[in-house]
Amino acid sequence: MPESLPLYLRDIRPGMHFLKYELLEQIGAGGQGVVWSAQEREISRIVAIKFLETADKQAQAVSDKVFEQQGE
């Protein structure tokens, strides 16, 4: 079973899974979050994923929905 994404950005590690992606390496960082390269497991496509830092779980849920829509 895939690992779930940790609550804090500092805890993200290569090999962890997020939705249908396996995280590869951190490729950027800024004031609002971090960017990771990831492999879409179903079709072996490499993508970039931006994770935003937020302490508000409700805002994170909205952010996750936006991420899924943008990914499509």
PDB file of N, CA and C in Angstrom:
ATOM      1  N   MET A   1       0.845  -1.188   0.000  1.00  0.00           N
ATOM      2  CA  MET A   1       0.000   0.000   0.000  1.00  0.00           C
ATOM      3  C   MET A   1       0.883   1.242   0.000  1.00  0.00           C
ATOM      4  N   PRO A   2       0.581   2.244  -0.826  1.00  0.00           N
ATOM      5  CA  PRO A   2       1.403   3.448  -0.898  1.00  0.00           C
ATOM      6  C   PRO A   2       1.367   4.237   0.397  1.00  0.00           C
ATOM      7  N   GLU A   3       2.468   4.950   0.650  1.00  0.00           N
ATOM      8  CA  GLU A   3       2.519   5.821   1.805  1.00  0.00           C
ATOM      9  C   GLU A   3       1.614   7.014   1.565  1.00  0.00           C
ATOM     10  N   SER A   4       1.023   7.540   2.641  1.00  0.00           N
ATOM     11  CA  SER A   4       0.251   8.764   2.487  1.00  0.00           C
ATOM     12  C   SER A   4       1.189   9.955   2.659  1.00  0.00           C
ATOM     13  N   LEU A   5       0.819  11.066   2.055  1.00  0.00           N
ATOM     14  CA  LEU A   5       1.645  12.252   2.110  1.00  0.00           C
ATOM     15  C   LEU A   5       1.677  12.793   3.534  1.00  0.00           C
ATOM     16  N   PRO A   6       2.848  13.137   4.059  1.00  0.00           N
ATOM     17  CA  PRO A   6       2.932  13.668   5.417  1.00  0.00           C
ATOM     18  C   PRO A   6       2.308  15.054   5.507  1.00  0.00           C
ATOM     19  N   LEU A   7       2.048  15.483   6.734  1.00  0.00           N
ATOM     20  CA  LEU A   7       1.402  16.765   6.956  1.00  0.00           C
ATOM     21  C   LEU A   7       2.324  17.932   6.640  1.00  0.00           C
ATOM     22  N   TYR A   8       3.623  17.785   6.859  1.00  0.00           N
ATOM     23  CA  TYR A   8       4.566  18.890   6.677  1.00  0.00           C
ATOM     24  C   TYR A   8       5.446  18.671   5.450  1.00  0.00           C
ATOM     25  N   LEU A   9       5.707  19.750   4.720  1.00  0.00           N
ATOM     26  CA  LEU A   9       6.536  19.648   3.520  1.00  0.00           C
ATOM     27  C   LEU A   9       7.927  19.121   3.824  1.00  0.00           C
ATOM     28  N   ARG A  10       8.458  19.455   4.989  1.00  0.00           N
ATOM     29  CA  ARG A  10       9.815  19.015   5.334  1.00  0.00           C
ATOM     30  C   ARG A  10       9.915  17.497   5.484  1.00  0.00           C
ATOM     31  N   ASP A  11       8.780  16.823   5.621  1.00  0.00           N
ATOM     32  CA  ASP A  11       8.769  15.369   5.803  1.00  0.00           C
ATOM     33  C   ASP A  11       8.681  14.599   4.489  1.00  0.00           C
ATOM     34  N   ILE A  12       8.479  15.292   3.371  1.00  0.00           N
ATOM     35  CA  ILE A  12       8.360  14.616   2.082  1.00  0.00           C
ATOM     36  C   ILE A  12       9.707  14.025   1.682  1.00  0.00           C
ATOM     37  N   ARG A  13       9.698  12.792   1.221  1.00  0.00           N
ATOM     38  CA  ARG A  13      10.918  12.087   0.829  1.00  0.00           C
ATOM     39  C   ARG A  13      10.730  11.417  -0.527  1.00  0.00           C
ATOM     40  N   PRO A  14      11.828  11.230  -1.282  1.00  0.00           N
ATOM     41  CA  PRO A  14      11.741  10.483  -2.539  1.00  0.00           C
ATOM     42  C   PRO A  14      11.147   9.091  -2.305  1.00  0.00           C
ATOM     43  N   GLY A  15      10.350   8.645  -3.254  1.00  0.00           N
ATOM     44  CA  GLY A  15       9.738   7.321  -3.155  1.00  0.00           C
ATOM     45  C   GLY A  15       8.350   7.329  -2.546  1.00  0.00           C
ATOM     46  N   MET A  16       7.973   8.440  -1.905  1.00  0.00           N
ATOM     47  CA  MET A  16       6.622   8.529  -1.360  1.00  0.00           C
ATOM     48  C   MET A  16       5.632   8.672  -2.502  1.00  0.00           C
ATOM     49  N   HIS A  17       4.375   8.334  -2.236  1.00  0.00           N
ATOM     50  CA  HIS A  17       3.327   8.397  -3.246  1.00  0.00           C
ATOM     51  C   HIS A  17       2.338   9.502  -2.920  1.00  0.00           C
ATOM     52  N   PHE A  18       1.878  10.174  -3.964  1.00  0.00           N
ATOM     53  CA  PHE A  18       0.854  11.204  -3.858  1.00  0.00           C
ATOM     54  C   PHE A  18      -0.092  10.987  -5.027  1.00  0.00           C
ATOM     55  N   LEU A  19      -1.358  10.696  -4.717  1.00  0.00           N
ATOM     56  CA  LEU A  19      -2.340  10.341  -5.732  1.00  0.00           C
ATOM     57  C   LEU A  19      -1.764   9.234  -6.614  1.00  0.00           C
ATOM     58  N   LYS A  20      -1.643   9.447  -7.919  1.00  0.00           N
ATOM     59  CA  LYS A  20      -1.132   8.396  -8.805  1.00  0.00           C
ATOM     60  C   LYS A  20       0.335   8.600  -9.161  1.00  0.00           C
ATOM     61  N   TYR A  21       1.062   9.384  -8.347  1.00  0.00           N
ATOM     62  CA  TYR A  21       2.446   9.741  -8.640  1.00  0.00           C
ATOM     63  C   TYR A  21       3.400   9.215  -7.568  1.00  0.00           C
ATOM     64  N   GLU A  22       4.603   8.874  -8.016  1.00  0.00           N
ATOM     65  CA  GLU A  22       5.690   8.546  -7.088  1.00  0.00           C
ATOM     66  C   GLU A  22       6.675   9.713  -7.117  1.00  0.00           C
ATOM     67  N   LEU A  23       6.945  10.271  -5.945  1.00  0.00           N
ATOM     68  CA  LEU A  23       7.823  11.428  -5.869  1.00  0.00           C
ATOM     69  C   LEU A  23       9.267  11.022  -6.097  1.00  0.00           C
ATOM     70  N   LEU A  24       9.980  11.800  -6.915  1.00  0.00           N
ATOM     71  CA  LEU A  24      11.360  11.477  -7.283  1.00  0.00           C
ATOM     72  C   LEU A  24      12.371  12.344  -6.539  1.00  0.00           C
ATOM     73  N   GLU A  25      12.302  13.675  -6.742  1.00  0.00           N
ATOM     74  CA  GLU A  25      13.241  14.569  -6.050  1.00  0.00           C
ATOM     75  C   GLU A  25      12.682  15.980  -5.997  1.00  0.00           C
ATOM     76  N   GLN A  26      13.121  16.725  -4.985  1.00  0.00           N
ATOM     77  CA  GLN A  26      12.725  18.122  -4.888  1.00  0.00           C
ATOM     78  C   GLN A  26      13.525  18.909  -5.920  1.00  0.00           C
ATOM     79  N   ILE A  27      12.819  19.706  -6.733  1.00  0.00           N
ATOM     80  CA  ILE A  27      13.498  20.451  -7.792  1.00  0.00           C
ATOM     81  C   ILE A  27      13.390  21.958  -7.600  1.00  0.00           C
ATOM     82  N   GLY A  28      12.689  22.395  -6.562  1.00  0.00           N
ATOM     83  CA  GLY A  28      12.577  23.822  -6.305  1.00  0.00           C
ATOM     84  C   GLY A  28      11.928  24.090  -4.968  1.00  0.00           C
ATOM     85  N   ALA A  29      12.115  25.307  -4.464  1.00  0.00           N
ATOM     86  CA  ALA A  29      11.510  25.713  -3.193  1.00  0.00           C
ATOM     87  C   ALA A  29      11.342  27.220  -3.208  1.00  0.00           C
ATOM     88  N   GLY A  30      10.325  27.688  -2.512  1.00  0.00           N
ATOM     89  CA  GLY A  30      10.069  29.111  -2.426  1.00  0.00           C
ATOM     90  C   GLY A  30       9.335  29.433  -1.145  1.00  0.00           C
ATOM     91  N   GLY A  31       8.822  30.631  -1.067  1.00  0.00           N
ATOM     92  CA  GLY A  31       8.164  31.093   0.143  1.00  0.00           C
ATOM     93  C   GLY A  31       6.852  30.393   0.438  1.00  0.00           C
ATOM     94  N   GLN A  32       6.185  29.851  -0.565  1.00  0.00           N
ATOM     95  CA  GLN A  32       4.876  29.233  -0.361  1.00  0.00           C
ATOM     96  C   GLN A  32       4.892  27.714  -0.388  1.00  0.00           C
ATOM     97  N   GLY A  33       5.971  27.103  -0.839  1.00  0.00           N
ATOM     98  CA  GLY A  33       5.970  25.649  -0.912  1.00  0.00           C
ATOM     99  C   GLY A  33       7.183  25.105  -1.628  1.00  0.00           C
ATOM    100  N   VAL A  34       7.047  23.876  -2.119  1.00  0.00           N
ATOM    101  CA  VAL A  34       8.143  23.193  -2.801  1.00  0.00           C
ATOM    102  C   VAL A  34       7.621  22.544  -4.082  1.00  0.00           C
ATOM    103  N   VAL A  35       8.540  22.310  -5.023  1.00  0.00           N
ATOM    104  CA  VAL A  35       8.202  21.633  -6.274  1.00  0.00           C
ATOM    105  C   VAL A  35       9.013  20.342  -6.342  1.00  0.00           C
ATOM    106  N   TRP A  36       8.324  19.260  -6.660  1.00  0.00           N
ATOM    107  CA  TRP A  36       8.955  17.947  -6.782  1.00  0.00           C
ATOM    108  C   TRP A  36       8.742  17.398  -8.183  1.00  0.00           C
ATOM    109  N   SER A  37       9.726  16.658  -8.666  1.00  0.00           N
ATOM    110  CA  SER A  37       9.496  15.862  -9.866  1.00  0.00           C
ATOM    111  C   SER A  37       8.848  14.564  -9.391  1.00  0.00           C
ATOM    112  N   ALA A  38       7.988  14.025 -10.246  1.00  0.00           N
ATOM    113  CA  ALA A  38       7.278  12.801  -9.887  1.00  0.00           C
ATOM    114  C   ALA A  38       7.004  12.000 -11.148  1.00  0.00           C
ATOM    115  N   GLN A  39       6.855  10.701 -10.970  1.00  0.00           N
ATOM    116  CA  GLN A  39       6.531   9.825 -12.095  1.00  0.00           C
ATOM    117  C   GLN A  39       5.095   9.361 -11.959  1.00  0.00           C
ATOM    118  N   GLU A  40       4.311   9.593 -13.012  1.00  0.00           N
ATOM    119  CA  GLU A  40       2.950   9.073 -13.049  1.00  0.00           C
ATOM    120  C   GLU A  40       3.061   7.572 -13.278  1.00  0.00           C
ATOM    121  N   ARG A  41       2.663   6.796 -12.302  1.00  0.00           N
ATOM    122  CA  ARG A  41       2.934   5.362 -12.303  1.00  0.00           C
ATOM    123  C   ARG A  41       2.276   4.624 -13.460  1.00  0.00           C
ATOM    124  N   GLU A  42       1.080   5.021 -13.860  1.00  0.00           N
ATOM    125  CA  GLU A  42       0.346   4.277 -14.886  1.00  0.00           C
ATOM    126  C   GLU A  42       0.990   4.366 -16.265  1.00  0.00           C
ATOM    127  N   ILE A  43       1.572   5.524 -16.595  1.00  0.00           N
ATOM    128  CA  ILE A  43       2.110   5.690 -17.951  1.00  0.00           C
ATOM    129  C   ILE A  43       3.579   6.124 -17.951  1.00  0.00           C
ATOM    130  N   SER A  44       4.230   6.084 -16.804  1.00  0.00           N
ATOM    131  CA  SER A  44       5.664   6.400 -16.677  1.00  0.00           C
ATOM    132  C   SER A  44       6.021   7.795 -17.208  1.00  0.00           C
ATOM    133  N   ARG A  45       5.111   8.746 -17.034  1.00  0.00           N
ATOM    134  CA  ARG A  45       5.363  10.131 -17.448  1.00  0.00           C
ATOM    135  C   ARG A  45       5.927  10.916 -16.267  1.00  0.00           C
ATOM    136  N   ILE A  46       6.931  11.752 -16.515  1.00  0.00           N
ATOM    137  CA  ILE A  46       7.518  12.595 -15.481  1.00  0.00           C
ATOM    138  C   ILE A  46       6.793  13.938 -15.471  1.00  0.00           C
ATOM    139  N   VAL A  47       6.383  14.371 -14.283  1.00  0.00           N
ATOM    140  CA  VAL A  47       5.675  15.637 -14.121  1.00  0.00           C
ATOM    141  C   VAL A  47       6.297  16.428 -12.971  1.00  0.00           C
ATOM    142  N   ALA A  48       5.916  17.690 -12.855  1.00  0.00           N
ATOM    143  CA  ALA A  48       6.296  18.520 -11.710  1.00  0.00           C
ATOM    144  C   ALA A  48       5.051  18.730 -10.859  1.00  0.00           C
ATOM    145  N   ILE A  49       5.213  18.615  -9.543  1.00  0.00           N
ATOM    146  CA  ILE A  49       4.111  18.806  -8.605  1.00  0.00           C
ATOM    147  C   ILE A  49       4.522  19.870  -7.597  1.00  0.00           C
ATOM    148  N   LYS A  50       3.678  20.883  -7.427  1.00  0.00           N
ATOM    149  CA  LYS A  50       3.944  21.933  -6.451  1.00  0.00           C
ATOM    150  C   LYS A  50       3.081  21.680  -5.226  1.00  0.00           C
ATOM    151  N   PHE A  51       3.726  21.599  -4.068  1.00  0.00           N
ATOM    152  CA  PHE A  51       3.030  21.447  -2.802  1.00  0.00           C
ATOM    153  C   PHE A  51       3.089  22.775  -2.063  1.00  0.00           C
ATOM    154  N   LEU A  52       1.930  23.276  -1.666  1.00  0.00           N
ATOM    155  CA  LEU A  52       1.863  24.531  -0.942  1.00  0.00           C
ATOM    156  C   LEU A  52       1.776  24.265   0.549  1.00  0.00           C
ATOM    157  N   GLU A  53       2.492  25.051   1.327  1.00  0.00           N
ATOM    158  CA  GLU A  53       2.445  24.938   2.790  1.00  0.00           C
ATOM    159  C   GLU A  53       1.151  25.563   3.280  1.00  0.00           C
ATOM    160  N   THR A  54       0.403  24.814   4.083  1.00  0.00           N
ATOM    161  CA  THR A  54      -0.804  25.356   4.702  1.00  0.00           C
ATOM    162  C   THR A  54      -1.054  24.614   6.006  1.00  0.00           C
ATOM    163  N   ALA A  55      -1.513  25.345   6.998  1.00  0.00           N
ATOM    164  CA  ALA A  55      -1.838  24.723   8.282  1.00  0.00           C
ATOM    165  C   ALA A  55      -3.331  24.417   8.367  1.00  0.00           C
ATOM    166  N   ASP A  56      -4.105  24.916   7.416  1.00  0.00           N
ATOM    167  CA  ASP A  56      -5.555  24.780   7.426  1.00  0.00           C
ATOM    168  C   ASP A  56      -5.957  23.539   6.637  1.00  0.00           C
ATOM    169  N   LYS A  57      -6.469  22.513   7.321  1.00  0.00           N
ATOM    170  CA  LYS A  57      -6.829  21.263   6.659  1.00  0.00           C
ATOM    171  C   LYS A  57      -7.945  21.464   5.632  1.00  0.00           C
ATOM    172  N   GLN A  58      -8.885  22.352   5.891  1.00  0.00           N
ATOM    173  CA  GLN A  58      -9.955  22.604   4.927  1.00  0.00           C
ATOM    174  C   GLN A  58      -9.384  23.245   3.667  1.00  0.00           C
ATOM    175  N   ALA A  59      -8.456  24.181   3.821  1.00  0.00           N
ATOM    176  CA  ALA A  59      -7.822  24.805   2.655  1.00  0.00           C
ATOM    177  C   ALA A  59      -7.021  23.773   1.883  1.00  0.00           C
ATOM    178  N   GLN A  60      -6.387  22.834   2.574  1.00  0.00           N
ATOM    179  CA  GLN A  60      -5.613  21.789   1.916  1.00  0.00           C
ATOM    180  C   GLN A  60      -6.520  20.906   1.071  1.00  0.00           C
ATOM    181  N   ALA A  61      -7.717  20.597   1.575  1.00  0.00           N
ATOM    182  CA  ALA A  61      -8.654  19.777   0.821  1.00  0.00           C
ATOM    183  C   ALA A  61      -9.038  20.477  -0.476  1.00  0.00           C
ATOM    184  N   VAL A  62      -9.277  21.768  -0.417  1.00  0.00           N
ATOM    185  CA  VAL A  62      -9.594  22.537  -1.614  1.00  0.00           C
ATOM    186  C   VAL A  62      -8.396  22.530  -2.551  1.00  0.00           C
ATOM    187  N   SER A  63      -7.195  22.713  -2.003  1.00  0.00           N
ATOM    188  CA  SER A  63      -5.983  22.718  -2.801  1.00  0.00           C
ATOM    189  C   SER A  63      -5.799  21.372  -3.507  1.00  0.00           C
ATOM    190  N   ASP A  64      -6.085  20.266  -2.837  1.00  0.00           N
ATOM    191  CA  ASP A  64      -5.969  18.941  -3.446  1.00  0.00           C
ATOM    192  C   ASP A  64      -6.922  18.808  -4.633  1.00  0.00           C
ATOM    193  N   LYS A  65      -8.150  19.332  -4.509  1.00  0.00           N
ATOM    194  CA  LYS A  65      -9.109  19.260  -5.609  1.00  0.00           C
ATOM    195  C   LYS A  65      -8.621  20.087  -6.793  1.00  0.00           C
ATOM    196  N   VAL A  66      -8.090  21.269  -6.522  1.00  0.00           N
ATOM    197  CA  VAL A  66      -7.557  22.111  -7.587  1.00  0.00           C
ATOM    198  C   VAL A  66      -6.405  21.389  -8.282  1.00  0.00           C
ATOM    199  N   PHE A  67      -5.525  20.750  -7.505  1.00  0.00           N
ATOM    200  CA  PHE A  67      -4.398  20.013  -8.085  1.00  0.00           C
ATOM    201  C   PHE A  67      -4.907  18.929  -9.032  1.00  0.00           C
ATOM    202  N   GLU A  68      -5.895  18.175  -8.603  1.00  0.00           N
ATOM    203  CA  GLU A  68      -6.412  17.104  -9.450  1.00  0.00           C
ATOM    204  C   GLU A  68      -6.999  17.664 -10.744  1.00  0.00           C
ATOM    205  N   GLN A  69      -7.705  18.793 -10.670  1.00  0.00           N
ATOM    206  CA  GLN A  69      -8.281  19.399 -11.864  1.00  0.00           C
ATOM    207  C   GLN A  69      -7.188  19.889 -12.805  1.00  0.00           C
ATOM    208  N   GLN A  70      -6.142  20.507 -12.263  1.00  0.00           N
ATOM    209  CA  GLN A  70      -5.052  21.009 -13.094  1.00  0.00           C
ATOM    210  C   GLN A  70      -4.275  19.872 -13.738  1.00  0.00           C
ATOM    211  N   GLY A  71      -4.172  18.749 -13.031  1.00  0.00           N
ATOM    212  CA  GLY A  71      -3.452  17.595 -13.556  1.00  0.00           C
ATOM    213  C   GLY A  71      -4.125  16.981 -14.776  1.00  0.00           C
ATOM    214  N   GLU A  72      -5.444  17.095 -14.839  1.00  0.00           N
ATOM    215  CA  GLU A  72      -6.180  16.537 -15.968  1.00  0.00           C
ATOM    216  C   GLU A  72      -5.899  17.358 -17.209  1.00  0.00           C
TER     217      GLU A  72
END
